[in-house]
Amino acid sequence: MIEAVFELVRRNEFPQLPSRLQSMFAWCNLDDAREFNSSLGDKHSIFEVEIKNAFIADQKLLYLGGSVIGTYEMARKYWSGDRSDNCKLEAVIPLPAVIGNKV
């Protein structure tokens, strides 16, 4: 449901931004990538990604609000580049992307 609402808002109000449905996601810094990998039990490798045209957004705004209107407002904040008080930035990278060296 979150992705459906967020994609609807993107298409209607922010069509120049990359679709989350046709993108890959990355952390904006190595510390965040390592923290995320650690939360998964350090099971995965971390790679550099060459970014030419990524959209940087606050992942904390990916939230299913208490109502459809609430979710819609979270999506508008996400796509407009707003940041929450405790933001966690992610890069939405349009495909294809170039994967670089293993870190």
C-alpha atoms as a PDB file:
ATOM      1  CA  MET A   1       0.000   0.000   0.000  1.00  0.00           C
ATOM      2  CA  ILE A   2       2.838   2.417   0.836  1.00  0.00           C
ATOM      3  CA  GLU A   3       4.505   2.010  -2.553  1.00  0.00           C
ATOM      4  CA  ALA A   4       1.181   2.398  -4.383  1.00  0.00           C
ATOM      5  CA  VAL A   5       0.358   5.703  -2.675  1.00  0.00           C
ATOM      6  CA  PHE A   6       3.919   6.999  -2.972  1.00  0.00           C
ATOM      7  CA  GLU A   7       4.002   6.151  -6.689  1.00  0.00           C
ATOM      8  CA  LEU A   8       0.644   7.836  -7.269  1.00  0.00           C
ATOM      9  CA  VAL A   9       1.877  11.035  -5.589  1.00  0.00           C
ATOM     10  CA  ARG A  10       5.161  10.923  -7.520  1.00  0.00           C
ATOM     11  CA  ARG A  11       3.398  10.506 -10.872  1.00  0.00           C
ATOM     12  CA  ASN A  12       0.907  13.286 -10.177  1.00  0.00           C
ATOM     13  CA  GLU A  13       3.118  15.854  -8.487  1.00  0.00           C
ATOM     14  CA  PHE A  14       6.783  14.929  -9.015  1.00  0.00           C
ATOM     15  CA  PRO A  15       6.981  13.139 -12.399  1.00  0.00           C
ATOM     16  CA  GLN A  16      10.567  14.300 -12.962  1.00  0.00           C
ATOM     17  CA  LEU A  17      11.766  12.182 -10.010  1.00  0.00           C
ATOM     18  CA  PRO A  18      12.681   8.499 -10.378  1.00  0.00           C
ATOM     19  CA  SER A  19      10.047   5.901  -9.608  1.00  0.00           C
ATOM     20  CA  ARG A  20      10.788   3.801  -6.520  1.00  0.00           C
ATOM     21  CA  LEU A  21       9.351   0.884  -8.507  1.00  0.00           C
ATOM     22  CA  GLN A  22      12.086   1.156 -11.153  1.00  0.00           C
ATOM     23  CA  SER A  23      15.040   2.069  -8.963  1.00  0.00           C
ATOM     24  CA  MET A  24      17.547   0.606  -6.568  1.00  0.00           C
ATOM     25  CA  PHE A  25      18.272   2.030  -3.148  1.00  0.00           C
ATOM     26  CA  ALA A  26      21.517   2.861  -1.413  1.00  0.00           C
ATOM     27  CA  TRP A  27      22.702   4.504   1.737  1.00  0.00           C
ATOM     28  CA  CYS A  28      24.295   7.915   1.389  1.00  0.00           C
ATOM     29  CA  ASN A  29      27.316   7.069   3.511  1.00  0.00           C
ATOM     30  CA  LEU A  30      29.315   4.014   4.460  1.00  0.00           C
ATOM     31  CA  ASP A  31      28.455   4.201   8.177  1.00  0.00           C
ATOM     32  CA  ASP A  32      24.721   3.916   7.420  1.00  0.00           C
ATOM     33  CA  ALA A  33      25.364   1.001   5.050  1.00  0.00           C
ATOM     34  CA  ARG A  34      27.403  -0.803   7.689  1.00  0.00           C
ATOM     35  CA  GLU A  35      24.786  -0.129  10.384  1.00  0.00           C
ATOM     36  CA  PHE A  36      22.051  -1.545   8.140  1.00  0.00           C
ATOM     37  CA  ASN A  37      24.157  -4.592   7.253  1.00  0.00           C
ATOM     38  CA  SER A  38      24.878  -5.147  10.939  1.00  0.00           C
ATOM     39  CA  SER A  39      21.137  -5.109  11.694  1.00  0.00           C
ATOM     40  CA  LEU A  40      20.836  -8.012   9.218  1.00  0.00           C
ATOM     41  CA  GLY A  41      23.613  -9.991  10.896  1.00  0.00           C
ATOM     42  CA  ASP A  42      26.445  -8.790   8.639  1.00  0.00           C
ATOM     43  CA  LYS A  43      25.369 -11.323   5.995  1.00  0.00           C
ATOM     44  CA  HIS A  44      25.704  -9.107   2.948  1.00  0.00           C
ATOM     45  CA  SER A  45      28.489  -7.447   1.021  1.00  0.00           C
ATOM     46  CA  ILE A  46      28.586  -3.686   0.565  1.00  0.00           C
ATOM     47  CA  PHE A  47      29.440  -2.198  -2.820  1.00  0.00           C
ATOM     48  CA  GLU A  48      30.087   1.272  -4.137  1.00  0.00           C
ATOM     49  CA  VAL A  49      27.528   2.536  -6.645  1.00  0.00           C
ATOM     50  CA  GLU A  50      28.189   5.167  -9.294  1.00  0.00           C
ATOM     51  CA  ILE A  51      25.430   7.730  -8.941  1.00  0.00           C
ATOM     52  CA  LYS A  52      24.677  10.175 -11.723  1.00  0.00           C
ATOM     53  CA  ASN A  53      21.114  11.177 -11.015  1.00  0.00           C
ATOM     54  CA  ALA A  54      19.857   9.949  -7.651  1.00  0.00           C
ATOM     55  CA  PHE A  55      17.068  11.409  -5.575  1.00  0.00           C
ATOM     56  CA  ILE A  56      17.961  11.710  -1.886  1.00  0.00           C
ATOM     57  CA  ALA A  57      15.011  11.233   0.455  1.00  0.00           C
ATOM     58  CA  ASP A  58      14.236  10.660   4.109  1.00  0.00           C
ATOM     59  CA  GLN A  59      13.458   6.971   4.509  1.00  0.00           C
ATOM     60  CA  LYS A  60      11.705   7.699   7.832  1.00  0.00           C
ATOM     61  CA  LEU A  61       8.877   9.297   5.819  1.00  0.00           C
ATOM     62  CA  LEU A  62       8.052   5.938   4.198  1.00  0.00           C
ATOM     63  CA  TYR A  63       5.212   5.447   6.585  1.00  0.00           C
ATOM     64  CA  LEU A  64       1.652   4.246   6.248  1.00  0.00           C
ATOM     65  CA  GLY A  65      -0.176   7.016   8.090  1.00  0.00           C
ATOM     66  CA  GLY A  66      -3.300   6.446  10.140  1.00  0.00           C
ATOM     67  CA  SER A  67      -5.399   7.275   7.081  1.00  0.00           C
ATOM     68  CA  VAL A  68      -5.091   7.524   3.319  1.00  0.00           C
ATOM     69  CA  ILE A  69      -4.742  11.304   3.687  1.00  0.00           C
ATOM     70  CA  GLY A  70      -1.977  10.807   6.256  1.00  0.00           C
ATOM     71  CA  THR A  71      -0.094   8.488   3.913  1.00  0.00           C
ATOM     72  CA  TYR A  72      -0.610  10.936   1.059  1.00  0.00           C
ATOM     73  CA  GLU A  73       0.907  13.738   3.157  1.00  0.00           C
ATOM     74  CA  MET A  74       3.913  11.567   4.083  1.00  0.00           C
ATOM     75  CA  ALA A  75       4.426  10.849   0.379  1.00  0.00           C
ATOM     76  CA  ARG A  76       4.267  14.557  -0.480  1.00  0.00           C
ATOM     77  CA  LYS A  77       6.884  15.295   2.193  1.00  0.00           C
ATOM     78  CA  TYR A  78       9.103  12.447   0.935  1.00  0.00           C
ATOM     79  CA  TRP A  79       9.015  13.562  -2.704  1.00  0.00           C
ATOM     80  CA  SER A  80       9.382  17.252  -1.879  1.00  0.00           C
ATOM     81  CA  GLY A  81      12.619  16.520  -0.006  1.00  0.00           C
ATOM     82  CA  ASP A  82      11.390  17.308   3.507  1.00  0.00           C
ATOM     83  CA  ARG A  83      13.326  15.812   6.415  1.00  0.00           C
ATOM     84  CA  SER A  84      11.943  14.384   9.653  1.00  0.00           C
ATOM     85  CA  ASP A  85      13.496  15.187  13.018  1.00  0.00           C
ATOM     86  CA  ASN A  86      15.388  11.881  13.040  1.00  0.00           C
ATOM     87  CA  CYS A  87      15.915  11.488   9.289  1.00  0.00           C
ATOM     88  CA  LYS A  88      17.642   8.535   7.629  1.00  0.00           C
ATOM     89  CA  LEU A  89      18.698   9.448   4.105  1.00  0.00           C
ATOM     90  CA  GLU A  90      18.455   7.010   1.229  1.00  0.00           C
ATOM     91  CA  ALA A  91      19.417   7.382  -2.409  1.00  0.00           C
ATOM     92  CA  VAL A  92      16.757   6.377  -4.938  1.00  0.00           C
ATOM     93  CA  ILE A  93      18.883   5.426  -7.945  1.00  0.00           C
ATOM     94  CA  PRO A  94      17.273   5.038 -11.376  1.00  0.00           C
ATOM     95  CA  LEU A  95      18.227   1.855 -13.208  1.00  0.00           C
ATOM     96  CA  PRO A  96      20.439   0.850 -14.789  1.00  0.00           C
ATOM     97  CA  ALA A  97      23.156   1.702 -12.290  1.00  0.00           C
ATOM     98  CA  VAL A  98      26.850   0.914 -12.286  1.00  0.00           C
ATOM     99  CA  ILE A  99      28.003  -1.186  -9.344  1.00  0.00           C
ATOM    100  CA  GLY A 100      31.569  -0.473  -8.289  1.00  0.00           C
ATOM    101  CA  ASN A 101      34.086  -2.017  -5.935  1.00  0.00           C
ATOM    102  CA  LYS A 102      33.260  -4.137  -2.929  1.00  0.00           C
ATOM    103  CA  VAL A 103      33.930  -2.159   0.252  1.00  0.00           C
END
